[in-house]
Each structure stands twice: as structure tokens, then as C-alpha cells.
Amino acid sequence: MVRNITREELKEMMDGGESFVLINVLDPEDFENEHICGSINLPASTIARDAVNLLNKDDTLVLHCSGPACTASEVAADKLDSFGFSDIWRFKGGIEEWKAAGYCLEGIAYKGKAA
């Protein structure tokens, strides 16, 4: 089942040291340019192929994309759900909402800058 998570809930999970995998589902070029600190890149276009080899079905997974208008995280979450992953969360606000809050981002866009 796919559930939604808010920016504040995700930040609390990160600050609390909870065990989860934060997944950016955008294309590699977008990920390299800018992503939430600590996230890994599994593009929505290849997640069905790659997730089975890289993730455990009982992992807590938090997926996000660029922002509320982006549907890639929804598509990816539905794919993971259909493959039997059971603890899936979608952060609909994505990078856009994370950045607006001033939270940690990294990537090429932040080289040499304090983020």
C-alpha cells in the first residue's frame, strides 16, 4: 500500500535516525544536478527492473520527484506496490517543497555552496 508523507514527517524521520530508503525517481541528470541529501537515484523508468536487486521488500521506502506537479513518484510507488513492496511512502512535495523549507540539498547545483 502506498501512503503519503508530509515534508515535516520526512524531516522528523531523518532527524530521528529512522531506518528508511529515500528514493529520488527522476532521471540521473536531474538527480546529479539536485537532490535531497541522503537520497539514492532509482528512476521511475527503470525502478521495476532495478528495485528487486537493490531493495528489500520489507524496507521502508520514501519516494519523491521534483514537486507536487510531478507524477513520477506516484508511478514508481505503484510499480513497487505491484511487486510486493509493503512499506511505501510518497513525498508529493518533492524537491520543490524541500527547497522552499531550506532543508538540505546536494548535487552539482550546490558544489562550493553551503546548502
PDB file of N, CA and C in Angstrom:
ATOM      1  N   MET A   1       0.841  -1.184   0.000  1.00  0.00           N
ATOM      2  CA  MET A   1       0.000   0.000   0.000  1.00  0.00           C
ATOM      3  C   MET A   1       0.887   1.250   0.000  1.00  0.00           C
ATOM      4  N   VAL A   2       0.495   2.222  -0.781  1.00  0.00           N
ATOM      5  CA  VAL A   2       1.235   3.476  -0.873  1.00  0.00           C
ATOM      6  C   VAL A   2       0.533   4.527  -0.022  1.00  0.00           C
ATOM      7  N   ARG A   3       1.322   5.169   0.833  1.00  0.00           N
ATOM      8  CA  ARG A   3       0.784   6.233   1.681  1.00  0.00           C
ATOM      9  C   ARG A   3       1.567   7.515   1.426  1.00  0.00           C
ATOM     10  N   ASN A   4       0.951   8.630   1.750  1.00  0.00           N
ATOM     11  CA  ASN A   4       1.622   9.920   1.588  1.00  0.00           C
ATOM     12  C   ASN A   4       2.308  10.324   2.880  1.00  0.00           C
ATOM     13  N   ILE A   5       3.397  11.069   2.733  1.00  0.00           N
ATOM     14  CA  ILE A   5       4.140  11.588   3.868  1.00  0.00           C
ATOM     15  C   ILE A   5       4.364  13.082   3.632  1.00  0.00           C
ATOM     16  N   THR A   6       4.278  13.859   4.686  1.00  0.00           N
ATOM     17  CA  THR A   6       4.484  15.302   4.564  1.00  0.00           C
ATOM     18  C   THR A   6       5.967  15.640   4.703  1.00  0.00           C
ATOM     19  N   ARG A   7       6.296  16.844   4.333  1.00  0.00           N
ATOM     20  CA  ARG A   7       7.670  17.332   4.485  1.00  0.00           C
ATOM     21  C   ARG A   7       8.108  17.245   5.947  1.00  0.00           C
ATOM     22  N   GLU A   8       7.235  17.650   6.849  1.00  0.00           N
ATOM     23  CA  GLU A   8       7.580  17.653   8.274  1.00  0.00           C
ATOM     24  C   GLU A   8       7.797  16.233   8.792  1.00  0.00           C
ATOM     25  N   GLU A   9       6.948  15.296   8.351  1.00  0.00           N
ATOM     26  CA  GLU A   9       7.100  13.902   8.779  1.00  0.00           C
ATOM     27  C   GLU A   9       8.409  13.313   8.262  1.00  0.00           C
ATOM     28  N   LEU A  10       8.754  13.620   7.012  1.00  0.00           N
ATOM     29  CA  LEU A  10      10.008  13.132   6.444  1.00  0.00           C
ATOM     30  C   LEU A  10      11.199  13.722   7.193  1.00  0.00           C
ATOM     31  N   LYS A  11      11.152  15.002   7.483  1.00  0.00           N
ATOM     32  CA  LYS A  11      12.248  15.652   8.221  1.00  0.00           C
ATOM     33  C   LYS A  11      12.404  15.013   9.599  1.00  0.00           C
ATOM     34  N   GLU A  12      11.296  14.726  10.268  1.00  0.00           N
ATOM     35  CA  GLU A  12      11.347  14.075  11.583  1.00  0.00           C
ATOM     36  C   GLU A  12      11.977  12.688  11.489  1.00  0.00           C
ATOM     37  N   MET A  13      11.635  11.942  10.446  1.00  0.00           N
ATOM     38  CA  MET A  13      12.231  10.615  10.243  1.00  0.00           C
ATOM     39  C   MET A  13      13.744  10.735  10.067  1.00  0.00           C
ATOM     40  N   MET A  14      14.164  11.720   9.265  1.00  0.00           N
ATOM     41  CA  MET A  14      15.598  11.912   9.022  1.00  0.00           C
ATOM     42  C   MET A  14      16.309  12.330  10.300  1.00  0.00           C
ATOM     43  N   ASP A  15      15.764  13.315  10.977  1.00  0.00           N
ATOM     44  CA  ASP A  15      16.392  13.824  12.203  1.00  0.00           C
ATOM     45  C   ASP A  15      16.407  12.785  13.312  1.00  0.00           C
ATOM     46  N   GLY A  16      15.405  11.896  13.311  1.00  0.00           N
ATOM     47  CA  GLY A  16      15.304  10.865  14.331  1.00  0.00           C
ATOM     48  C   GLY A  16      16.131   9.628  14.037  1.00  0.00           C
ATOM     49  N   GLY A  17      16.795   9.620  12.885  1.00  0.00           N
ATOM     50  CA  GLY A  17      17.647   8.489  12.529  1.00  0.00           C
ATOM     51  C   GLY A  17      16.876   7.221  12.201  1.00  0.00           C
ATOM     52  N   GLU A  18      15.625   7.370  11.785  1.00  0.00           N
ATOM     53  CA  GLU A  18      14.838   6.192  11.428  1.00  0.00           C
ATOM     54  C   GLU A  18      15.440   5.505  10.206  1.00  0.00           C
ATOM     55  N   SER A  19      15.211   4.215  10.120  1.00  0.00           N
ATOM     56  CA  SER A  19      15.746   3.419   9.018  1.00  0.00           C
ATOM     57  C   SER A  19      14.762   3.419   7.847  1.00  0.00           C
ATOM     58  N   PHE A  20      15.181   4.027   6.746  1.00  0.00           N
ATOM     59  CA  PHE A  20      14.367   4.040   5.540  1.00  0.00           C
ATOM     60  C   PHE A  20      15.260   4.365   4.358  1.00  0.00           C
ATOM     61  N   VAL A  21      14.753   4.116   3.156  1.00  0.00           N
ATOM     62  CA  VAL A  21      15.481   4.420   1.933  1.00  0.00           C
ATOM     63  C   VAL A  21      14.742   5.561   1.241  1.00  0.00           C
ATOM     64  N   LEU A  22      15.443   6.682   1.065  1.00  0.00           N
ATOM     65  CA  LEU A  22      14.879   7.849   0.387  1.00  0.00           C
ATOM     66  C   LEU A  22      15.255   7.749  -1.084  1.00  0.00           C
ATOM     67  N   ILE A  23      14.245   7.679  -1.942  1.00  0.00           N
ATOM     68  CA  ILE A  23      14.477   7.419  -3.363  1.00  0.00           C
ATOM     69  C   ILE A  23      13.994   8.569  -4.226  1.00  0.00           C
ATOM     70  N   ASN A  24      14.928   9.136  -4.967  1.00  0.00           N
ATOM     71  CA  ASN A  24      14.629  10.150  -5.970  1.00  0.00           C
ATOM     72  C   ASN A  24      14.356   9.387  -7.263  1.00  0.00           C
ATOM     73  N   VAL A  25      13.173   9.568  -7.850  1.00  0.00           N
ATOM     74  CA  VAL A  25      12.781   8.781  -9.013  1.00  0.00           C
ATOM     75  C   VAL A  25      12.960   9.541 -10.334  1.00  0.00           C
ATOM     76  N   LEU A  26      13.662  10.660 -10.298  1.00  0.00           N
ATOM     77  CA  LEU A  26      13.906  11.452 -11.503  1.00  0.00           C
ATOM     78  C   LEU A  26      15.032  10.835 -12.332  1.00  0.00           C
ATOM     79  N   ASP A  27      15.218  11.336 -13.539  1.00  0.00           N
ATOM     80  CA  ASP A  27      16.301  10.871 -14.404  1.00  0.00           C
ATOM     81  C   ASP A  27      17.650  11.177 -13.765  1.00  0.00           C
ATOM     82  N   PRO A  28      18.686  10.395 -14.072  1.00  0.00           N
ATOM     83  CA  PRO A  28      20.003  10.599 -13.464  1.00  0.00           C
ATOM     84  C   PRO A  28      20.550  12.022 -13.606  1.00  0.00           C
ATOM     85  N   GLU A  29      20.313  12.667 -14.737  1.00  0.00           N
ATOM     86  CA  GLU A  29      20.825  14.023 -14.933  1.00  0.00           C
ATOM     87  C   GLU A  29      20.206  14.987 -13.924  1.00  0.00           C
ATOM     88  N   ASP A  30      18.910  14.850 -13.701  1.00  0.00           N
ATOM     89  CA  ASP A  30      18.223  15.697 -12.722  1.00  0.00           C
ATOM     90  C   ASP A  30      18.726  15.409 -11.317  1.00  0.00           C
ATOM     91  N   PHE A  31      18.917  14.123 -11.003  1.00  0.00           N
ATOM     92  CA  PHE A  31      19.425  13.725  -9.694  1.00  0.00           C
ATOM     93  C   PHE A  31      20.810  14.314  -9.462  1.00  0.00           C
ATOM     94  N   GLU A  32      21.684  14.208 -10.448  1.00  0.00           N
ATOM     95  CA  GLU A  32      23.047  14.725 -10.303  1.00  0.00           C
ATOM     96  C   GLU A  32      23.055  16.229 -10.070  1.00  0.00           C
ATOM     97  N   ASN A  33      22.133  16.921 -10.687  1.00  0.00           N
ATOM     98  CA  ASN A  33      22.072  18.375 -10.532  1.00  0.00           C
ATOM     99  C   ASN A  33      21.603  18.777  -9.134  1.00  0.00           C
ATOM    100  N   GLU A  34      20.570  18.084  -8.637  1.00  0.00           N
ATOM    101  CA  GLU A  34      19.976  18.495  -7.363  1.00  0.00           C
ATOM    102  C   GLU A  34      19.147  17.353  -6.788  1.00  0.00           C
ATOM    103  N   HIS A  35      19.404  17.039  -5.511  1.00  0.00           N
ATOM    104  CA  HIS A  35      18.613  16.021  -4.828  1.00  0.00           C
ATOM    105  C   HIS A  35      18.645  16.243  -3.325  1.00  0.00           C
ATOM    106  N   ILE A  36      17.657  15.669  -2.659  1.00  0.00           N
ATOM    107  CA  ILE A  36      17.596  15.756  -1.201  1.00  0.00           C
ATOM    108  C   ILE A  36      18.760  14.961  -0.627  1.00  0.00           C
ATOM    109  N   CYS A  37      19.437  15.555   0.346  1.00  0.00           N
ATOM    110  CA  CYS A  37      20.595  14.898   0.966  1.00  0.00           C
ATOM    111  C   CYS A  37      20.228  13.498   1.457  1.00  0.00           C
ATOM    112  N   GLY A  38      21.074  12.547   1.123  1.00  0.00           N
ATOM    113  CA  GLY A  38      20.886  11.173   1.567  1.00  0.00           C
ATOM    114  C   GLY A  38      20.031  10.319   0.654  1.00  0.00           C
ATOM    115  N   SER A  39      19.499  10.907  -0.400  1.00  0.00           N
ATOM    116  CA  SER A  39      18.644  10.120  -1.297  1.00  0.00           C
ATOM    117  C   SER A  39      19.487   9.338  -2.300  1.00  0.00           C
ATOM    118  N   ILE A  40      18.895   8.261  -2.792  1.00  0.00           N
ATOM    119  CA  ILE A  40      19.509   7.494  -3.871  1.00  0.00           C
ATOM    120  C   ILE A  40      18.664   7.707  -5.118  1.00  0.00           C
ATOM    121  N   ASN A  41      19.217   7.370  -6.262  1.00  0.00           N
ATOM    122  CA  ASN A  41      18.508   7.574  -7.521  1.00  0.00           C
ATOM    123  C   ASN A  41      18.085   6.238  -8.123  1.00  0.00           C
ATOM    124  N   LEU A  42      16.779   6.050  -8.224  1.00  0.00           N
ATOM    125  CA  LEU A  42      16.197   4.931  -8.953  1.00  0.00           C
ATOM    126  C   LEU A  42      15.110   5.532  -9.838  1.00  0.00           C
ATOM    127  N   PRO A  43      15.444   5.858 -11.077  1.00  0.00           N
ATOM    128  CA  PRO A  43      14.467   6.500 -11.960  1.00  0.00           C
ATOM    129  C   PRO A  43      13.186   5.683 -12.117  1.00  0.00           C
ATOM    130  N   ALA A  44      12.075   6.383 -12.191  1.00  0.00           N
ATOM    131  CA  ALA A  44      10.781   5.715 -12.364  1.00  0.00           C
ATOM    132  C   ALA A  44      10.789   4.809 -13.593  1.00  0.00           C
ATOM    133  N   SER A  45      11.533   5.217 -14.623  1.00  0.00           N
ATOM    134  CA  SER A  45      11.569   4.442 -15.868  1.00  0.00           C
ATOM    135  C   SER A  45      12.264   3.090 -15.719  1.00  0.00           C
ATOM    136  N   THR A  46      13.127   2.929 -14.720  1.00  0.00           N
ATOM    137  CA  THR A  46      13.857   1.668 -14.542  1.00  0.00           C
ATOM    138  C   THR A  46      13.619   1.024 -13.173  1.00  0.00           C
ATOM    139  N   ILE A  47      12.776   1.622 -12.357  1.00  0.00           N
ATOM    140  CA  ILE A  47      12.620   1.139 -10.981  1.00  0.00           C
ATOM    141  C   ILE A  47      12.101  -0.292 -10.930  1.00  0.00           C
ATOM    142  N   ALA A  48      11.233  -0.647 -11.858  1.00  0.00           N
ATOM    143  CA  ALA A  48      10.697  -2.010 -11.869  1.00  0.00           C
ATOM    144  C   ALA A  48      11.816  -3.035 -12.058  1.00  0.00           C
ATOM    145  N   ARG A  49      12.764  -2.715 -12.889  1.00  0.00           N
ATOM    146  CA  ARG A  49      13.885  -3.621 -13.178  1.00  0.00           C
ATOM    147  C   ARG A  49      14.906  -3.626 -12.041  1.00  0.00           C
ATOM    148  N   ASP A  50      15.217  -2.451 -11.494  1.00  0.00           N
ATOM    149  CA  ASP A  50      16.323  -2.310 -10.548  1.00  0.00           C
ATOM    150  C   ASP A  50      15.959  -2.555  -9.082  1.00  0.00           C
ATOM    151  N   ALA A  51      14.739  -2.269  -8.701  1.00  0.00           N
ATOM    152  CA  ALA A  51      14.368  -2.328  -7.283  1.00  0.00           C
ATOM    153  C   ALA A  51      14.533  -3.717  -6.680  1.00  0.00           C
ATOM    154  N   VAL A  52      14.177  -4.729  -7.425  1.00  0.00           N
ATOM    155  CA  VAL A  52      14.240  -6.096  -6.900  1.00  0.00           C
ATOM    156  C   VAL A  52      15.672  -6.468  -6.516  1.00  0.00           C
ATOM    157  N   ASN A  53      16.655  -5.958  -7.246  1.00  0.00           N
ATOM    158  CA  ASN A  53      18.059  -6.269  -6.957  1.00  0.00           C
ATOM    159  C   ASN A  53      18.669  -5.358  -5.899  1.00  0.00           C
ATOM    160  N   LEU A  54      18.114  -4.168  -5.714  1.00  0.00           N
ATOM    161  CA  LEU A  54      18.733  -3.179  -4.833  1.00  0.00           C
ATOM    162  C   LEU A  54      18.036  -2.996  -3.490  1.00  0.00           C
ATOM    163  N   LEU A  55      16.780  -3.367  -3.406  1.00  0.00           N
ATOM    164  CA  LEU A  55      15.993  -3.101  -2.198  1.00  0.00           C
ATOM    165  C   LEU A  55      15.424  -4.389  -1.628  1.00  0.00           C
ATOM    166  N   ASN A  56      15.128  -4.356  -0.335  1.00  0.00           N
ATOM    167  CA  ASN A  56      14.441  -5.470   0.308  1.00  0.00           C
ATOM    168  C   ASN A  56      12.951  -5.151   0.351  1.00  0.00           C
ATOM    169  N   LYS A  57      12.134  -6.161   0.167  1.00  0.00           N
ATOM    170  CA  LYS A  57      10.691  -5.925   0.110  1.00  0.00           C
ATOM    171  C   LYS A  57      10.109  -5.412   1.417  1.00  0.00           C
ATOM    172  N   ASP A  58      10.834  -5.577   2.533  1.00  0.00           N
ATOM    173  CA  ASP A  58      10.331  -5.067   3.808  1.00  0.00           C
ATOM    174  C   ASP A  58      10.968  -3.728   4.207  1.00  0.00           C
ATOM    175  N   ASP A  59      11.797  -3.150   3.343  1.00  0.00           N
ATOM    176  CA  ASP A  59      12.370  -1.823   3.613  1.00  0.00           C
ATOM    177  C   ASP A  59      11.263  -0.779   3.641  1.00  0.00           C
ATOM    178  N   THR A  60      11.461   0.252   4.450  1.00  0.00           N
ATOM    179  CA  THR A  60      10.596   1.425   4.389  1.00  0.00           C
ATOM    180  C   THR A  60      11.143   2.290   3.268  1.00  0.00           C
ATOM    181  N   LEU A  61      10.311   2.563   2.259  1.00  0.00           N
ATOM    182  CA  LEU A  61      10.727   3.314   1.084  1.00  0.00           C
ATOM    183  C   LEU A  61       9.974   4.640   1.038  1.00  0.00           C
ATOM    184  N   VAL A  62      10.715   5.738   0.860  1.00  0.00           N
ATOM    185  CA  VAL A  62      10.101   7.056   0.688  1.00  0.00           C
ATOM    186  C   VAL A  62      10.525   7.561  -0.682  1.00  0.00           C
ATOM    187  N   LEU A  63       9.543   7.728  -1.565  1.00  0.00           N
ATOM    188  CA  LEU A  63       9.814   8.148  -2.939  1.00  0.00           C
ATOM    189  C   LEU A  63       9.437   9.609  -3.132  1.00  0.00           C
ATOM    190  N   HIS A  64      10.226  10.291  -3.961  1.00  0.00           N
ATOM    191  CA  HIS A  64       9.884  11.672  -4.292  1.00  0.00           C
ATOM    192  C   HIS A  64      10.391  12.003  -5.684  1.00  0.00           C
ATOM    193  N   CYS A  65       9.841  13.074  -6.238  1.00  0.00           N
ATOM    194  CA  CYS A  65      10.331  13.588  -7.519  1.00  0.00           C
ATOM    195  C   CYS A  65      10.535  15.094  -7.359  1.00  0.00           C
ATOM    196  N   SER A  66      10.244  15.873  -8.384  1.00  0.00           N
ATOM    197  CA  SER A  66      10.599  17.294  -8.346  1.00  0.00           C
ATOM    198  C   SER A  66       9.639  18.157  -7.548  1.00  0.00           C
ATOM    199  N   GLY A  67       8.361  17.817  -7.542  1.00  0.00           N
ATOM    200  CA  GLY A  67       7.405  18.640  -6.823  1.00  0.00           C
ATOM    201  C   GLY A  67       5.989  18.144  -6.995  1.00  0.00           C
ATOM    202  N   PRO A  68       5.026  18.888  -6.455  1.00  0.00           N
ATOM    203  CA  PRO A  68       3.626  18.449  -6.473  1.00  0.00           C
ATOM    204  C   PRO A  68       3.057  18.157  -7.860  1.00  0.00           C
ATOM    205  N   ALA A  69       3.521  18.843  -8.892  1.00  0.00           N
ATOM    206  CA  ALA A  69       3.001  18.627 -10.242  1.00  0.00           C
ATOM    207  C   ALA A  69       3.593  17.383 -10.915  1.00  0.00           C
ATOM    208  N   CYS A  70       4.658  16.856 -10.365  1.00  0.00           N
ATOM    209  CA  CYS A  70       5.347  15.701 -10.928  1.00  0.00           C
ATOM    210  C   CYS A  70       4.640  14.414 -10.487  1.00  0.00           C
ATOM    211  N   THR A  71       4.414  13.513 -11.419  1.00  0.00           N
ATOM    212  CA  THR A  71       3.728  12.254 -11.092  1.00  0.00           C
ATOM    213  C   THR A  71       4.654  11.042 -11.107  1.00  0.00           C
ATOM    214  N   ALA A  72       5.943  11.258 -11.341  1.00  0.00           N
ATOM    215  CA  ALA A  72       6.881  10.130 -11.434  1.00  0.00           C
ATOM    216  C   ALA A  72       6.932   9.317 -10.144  1.00  0.00           C
ATOM    217  N   SER A  73       6.849   9.972  -8.988  1.00  0.00           N
ATOM    218  CA  SER A  73       6.902   9.218  -7.733  1.00  0.00           C
ATOM    219  C   SER A  73       5.640   8.383  -7.544  1.00  0.00           C
ATOM    220  N   GLU A  74       4.520   8.863  -8.040  1.00  0.00           N
ATOM    221  CA  GLU A  74       3.278   8.095  -7.956  1.00  0.00           C
ATOM    222  C   GLU A  74       3.368   6.845  -8.832  1.00  0.00           C
ATOM    223  N   VAL A  75       3.865   7.009 -10.046  1.00  0.00           N
ATOM    224  CA  VAL A  75       4.032   5.887 -10.970  1.00  0.00           C
ATOM    225  C   VAL A  75       4.996   4.859 -10.377  1.00  0.00           C
ATOM    226  N   ALA A  76       6.130   5.333  -9.859  1.00  0.00           N
ATOM    227  CA  ALA A  76       7.131   4.432  -9.286  1.00  0.00           C
ATOM    228  C   ALA A  76       6.587   3.710  -8.058  1.00  0.00           C
ATOM    229  N   ALA A  77       5.861   4.428  -7.202  1.00  0.00           N
ATOM    230  CA  ALA A  77       5.296   3.811  -6.000  1.00  0.00           C
ATOM    231  C   ALA A  77       4.306   2.719  -6.365  1.00  0.00           C
ATOM    232  N   ASP A  78       3.480   2.971  -7.360  1.00  0.00           N
ATOM    233  CA  ASP A  78       2.523   1.959  -7.796  1.00  0.00           C
ATOM    234  C   ASP A  78       3.232   0.716  -8.349  1.00  0.00           C
ATOM    235  N   LYS A  79       4.335   0.917  -9.074  1.00  0.00           N
ATOM    236  CA  LYS A  79       5.111  -0.216  -9.592  1.00  0.00           C
ATOM    237  C   LYS A  79       5.672  -1.048  -8.438  1.00  0.00           C
ATOM    238  N   LEU A  80       6.259  -0.375  -7.443  1.00  0.00           N
ATOM    239  CA  LEU A  80       6.828  -1.092  -6.300  1.00  0.00           C
ATOM    240  C   LEU A  80       5.744  -1.844  -5.533  1.00  0.00           C
ATOM    241  N   ASP A  81       4.601  -1.221  -5.381  1.00  0.00           N
ATOM    242  CA  ASP A  81       3.477  -1.854  -4.702  1.00  0.00           C
ATOM    243  C   ASP A  81       3.068  -3.129  -5.438  1.00  0.00           C
ATOM    244  N   SER A  82       3.021  -3.077  -6.746  1.00  0.00           N
ATOM    245  CA  SER A  82       2.625  -4.246  -7.535  1.00  0.00           C
ATOM    246  C   SER A  82       3.657  -5.374  -7.471  1.00  0.00           C
ATOM    247  N   PHE A  83       4.906  -5.033  -7.121  1.00  0.00           N
ATOM    248  CA  PHE A  83       5.961  -6.044  -6.983  1.00  0.00           C
ATOM    249  C   PHE A  83       6.067  -6.593  -5.561  1.00  0.00           C
ATOM    250  N   GLY A  84       5.164  -6.158  -4.681  1.00  0.00           N
ATOM    251  CA  GLY A  84       5.133  -6.735  -3.347  1.00  0.00           C
ATOM    252  C   GLY A  84       5.891  -5.973  -2.282  1.00  0.00           C
ATOM    253  N   PHE A  85       6.395  -4.787  -2.594  1.00  0.00           N
ATOM    254  CA  PHE A  85       6.998  -3.962  -1.552  1.00  0.00           C
ATOM    255  C   PHE A  85       5.856  -3.456  -0.677  1.00  0.00           C
ATOM    256  N   SER A  86       6.038  -3.514   0.641  1.00  0.00           N
ATOM    257  CA  SER A  86       4.884  -3.301   1.520  1.00  0.00           C
ATOM    258  C   SER A  86       4.881  -1.996   2.303  1.00  0.00           C
ATOM    259  N   ASP A  87       6.008  -1.315   2.406  1.00  0.00           N
ATOM    260  CA  ASP A  87       6.075  -0.098   3.232  1.00  0.00           C
ATOM    261  C   ASP A  87       6.534   1.069   2.364  1.00  0.00           C
ATOM    262  N   ILE A  88       5.608   1.592   1.561  1.00  0.00           N
ATOM    263  CA  ILE A  88       5.931   2.612   0.564  1.00  0.00           C
ATOM    264  C   ILE A  88       5.262   3.932   0.936  1.00  0.00           C
ATOM    265  N   TRP A  89       6.070   4.994   0.932  1.00  0.00           N
ATOM    266  CA  TRP A  89       5.589   6.332   1.229  1.00  0.00           C
ATOM    267  C   TRP A  89       5.926   7.237   0.052  1.00  0.00           C
ATOM    268  N   ARG A  90       5.048   8.178  -0.227  1.00  0.00           N
ATOM    269  CA  ARG A  90       5.276   9.137  -1.311  1.00  0.00           C
ATOM    270  C   ARG A  90       5.302  10.544  -0.729  1.00  0.00           C
ATOM    271  N   PHE A  91       6.436  11.215  -0.937  1.00  0.00           N
ATOM    272  CA  PHE A  91       6.559  12.620  -0.552  1.00  0.00           C
ATOM    273  C   PHE A  91       6.228  13.448  -1.783  1.00  0.00           C
ATOM    274  N   LYS A  92       4.969  13.833  -1.876  1.00  0.00           N
ATOM    275  CA  LYS A  92       4.445  14.518  -3.054  1.00  0.00           C
ATOM    276  C   LYS A  92       5.086  15.891  -3.273  1.00  0.00           C
ATOM    277  N   GLY A  93       5.482  16.570  -2.200  1.00  0.00           N
ATOM    278  CA  GLY A  93       6.068  17.912  -2.314  1.00  0.00           C
ATOM    279  C   GLY A  93       7.413  17.934  -3.012  1.00  0.00           C
ATOM    280  N   GLY A  94       8.138  16.832  -2.953  1.00  0.00           N
ATOM    281  CA  GLY A  94       9.405  16.685  -3.662  1.00  0.00           C
ATOM    282  C   GLY A  94      10.444  17.747  -3.360  1.00  0.00           C
ATOM    283  N   ILE A  95      11.379  17.861  -4.280  1.00  0.00           N
ATOM    284  CA  ILE A  95      12.494  18.790  -4.121  1.00  0.00           C
ATOM    285  C   ILE A  95      11.993  20.222  -3.970  1.00  0.00           C
ATOM    286  N   GLU A  96      10.968  20.571  -4.716  1.00  0.00           N
ATOM    287  CA  GLU A  96      10.427  21.927  -4.681  1.00  0.00           C
ATOM    288  C   GLU A  96      10.026  22.335  -3.258  1.00  0.00           C
ATOM    289  N   GLU A  97       9.277  21.500  -2.580  1.00  0.00           N
ATOM    290  CA  GLU A  97       8.816  21.802  -1.226  1.00  0.00           C
ATOM    291  C   GLU A  97       9.973  21.725  -0.222  1.00  0.00           C
ATOM    292  N   TRP A  98      10.872  20.762  -0.425  1.00  0.00           N
ATOM    293  CA  TRP A  98      12.030  20.596   0.455  1.00  0.00           C
ATOM    294  C   TRP A  98      12.915  21.844   0.393  1.00  0.00           C
ATOM    295  N   LYS A  99      13.148  22.320  -0.820  1.00  0.00           N
ATOM    296  CA  LYS A  99      13.980  23.512  -1.023  1.00  0.00           C
ATOM    297  C   LYS A  99      13.326  24.740  -0.400  1.00  0.00           C
ATOM    298  N   ALA A 100      12.026  24.882  -0.561  1.00  0.00           N
ATOM    299  CA  ALA A 100      11.295  26.029  -0.007  1.00  0.00           C
ATOM    300  C   ALA A 100      11.431  26.101   1.515  1.00  0.00           C
ATOM    301  N   ALA A 101      11.597  24.952   2.159  1.00  0.00           N
ATOM    302  CA  ALA A 101      11.755  24.911   3.612  1.00  0.00           C
ATOM    303  C   ALA A 101      13.204  25.170   4.040  1.00  0.00           C
ATOM    304  N   GLY A 102      14.115  25.214   3.067  1.00  0.00           N
ATOM    305  CA  GLY A 102      15.519  25.450   3.391  1.00  0.00           C
ATOM    306  C   GLY A 102      16.251  24.216   3.883  1.00  0.00           C
ATOM    307  N   TYR A 103      15.725  23.033   3.599  1.00  0.00           N
ATOM    308  CA  TYR A 103      16.351  21.800   4.049  1.00  0.00           C
ATOM    309  C   TYR A 103      17.488  21.383   3.102  1.00  0.00           C
ATOM    310  N   CYS A 104      18.271  20.431   3.557  1.00  0.00           N
ATOM    311  CA  CYS A 104      19.498  20.022   2.883  1.00  0.00           C
ATOM    312  C   CYS A 104      19.263  19.455   1.476  1.00  0.00           C
ATOM    313  N   LEU A 105      19.970  20.064   0.513  1.00  0.00           N
ATOM    314  CA  LEU A 105      20.006  19.584  -0.862  1.00  0.00           C
ATOM    315  C   LEU A 105      21.465  19.464  -1.263  1.00  0.00           C
ATOM    316  N   GLU A 106      21.739  18.566  -2.193  1.00  0.00           N
ATOM    317  CA  GLU A 106      23.094  18.412  -2.704  1.00  0.00           C
ATOM    318  C   GLU A 106      23.046  18.111  -4.184  1.00  0.00           C
ATOM    319  N   GLY A 107      24.209  18.198  -4.832  1.00  0.00           N
ATOM    320  CA  GLY A 107      24.308  17.948  -6.258  1.00  0.00           C
ATOM    321  C   GLY A 107      25.184  19.004  -6.913  1.00  0.00           C
ATOM    322  N   ILE A 108      25.289  18.933  -8.227  1.00  0.00           N
ATOM    323  CA  ILE A 108      26.130  19.849  -8.980  1.00  0.00           C
ATOM    324  C   ILE A 108      25.750  21.304  -8.709  1.00  0.00           C
ATOM    325  N   ALA A 109      24.462  21.569  -8.586  1.00  0.00           N
ATOM    326  CA  ALA A 109      23.993  22.947  -8.360  1.00  0.00           C
ATOM    327  C   ALA A 109      24.498  23.514  -7.032  1.00  0.00           C
ATOM    328  N   TYR A 110      24.986  22.648  -6.124  1.00  0.00           N
ATOM    329  CA  TYR A 110      25.404  23.102  -4.803  1.00  0.00           C
ATOM    330  C   TYR A 110      26.898  22.950  -4.551  1.00  0.00           C
ATOM    331  N   LYS A 111      27.661  22.570  -5.541  1.00  0.00           N
ATOM    332  CA  LYS A 111      29.114  22.434  -5.368  1.00  0.00           C
ATOM    333  C   LYS A 111      29.692  23.798  -4.966  1.00  0.00           C
ATOM    334  N   GLY A 112      30.402  23.786  -3.853  1.00  0.00           N
ATOM    335  CA  GLY A 112      31.054  25.012  -3.405  1.00  0.00           C
ATOM    336  C   GLY A 112      30.126  25.976  -2.691  1.00  0.00           C
ATOM    337  N   LYS A 113      28.874  25.595  -2.506  1.00  0.00           N
ATOM    338  CA  LYS A 113      27.903  26.444  -1.809  1.00  0.00           C
ATOM    339  C   LYS A 113      27.456  25.751  -0.531  1.00  0.00           C
ATOM    340  N   ALA A 114      27.129  26.536   0.456  1.00  0.00           N
ATOM    341  CA  ALA A 114      26.525  25.977   1.653  1.00  0.00           C
ATOM    342  C   ALA A 114      25.040  25.836   1.374  1.00  0.00           C
ATOM    343  N   ALA A 115      24.543  24.629   1.455  1.00  0.00           N
ATOM    344  CA  ALA A 115      23.111  24.395   1.159  1.00  0.00           C
ATOM    345  C   ALA A 115      22.300  24.401   2.416  1.00  0.00           C
TER     346      ALA A 115
END
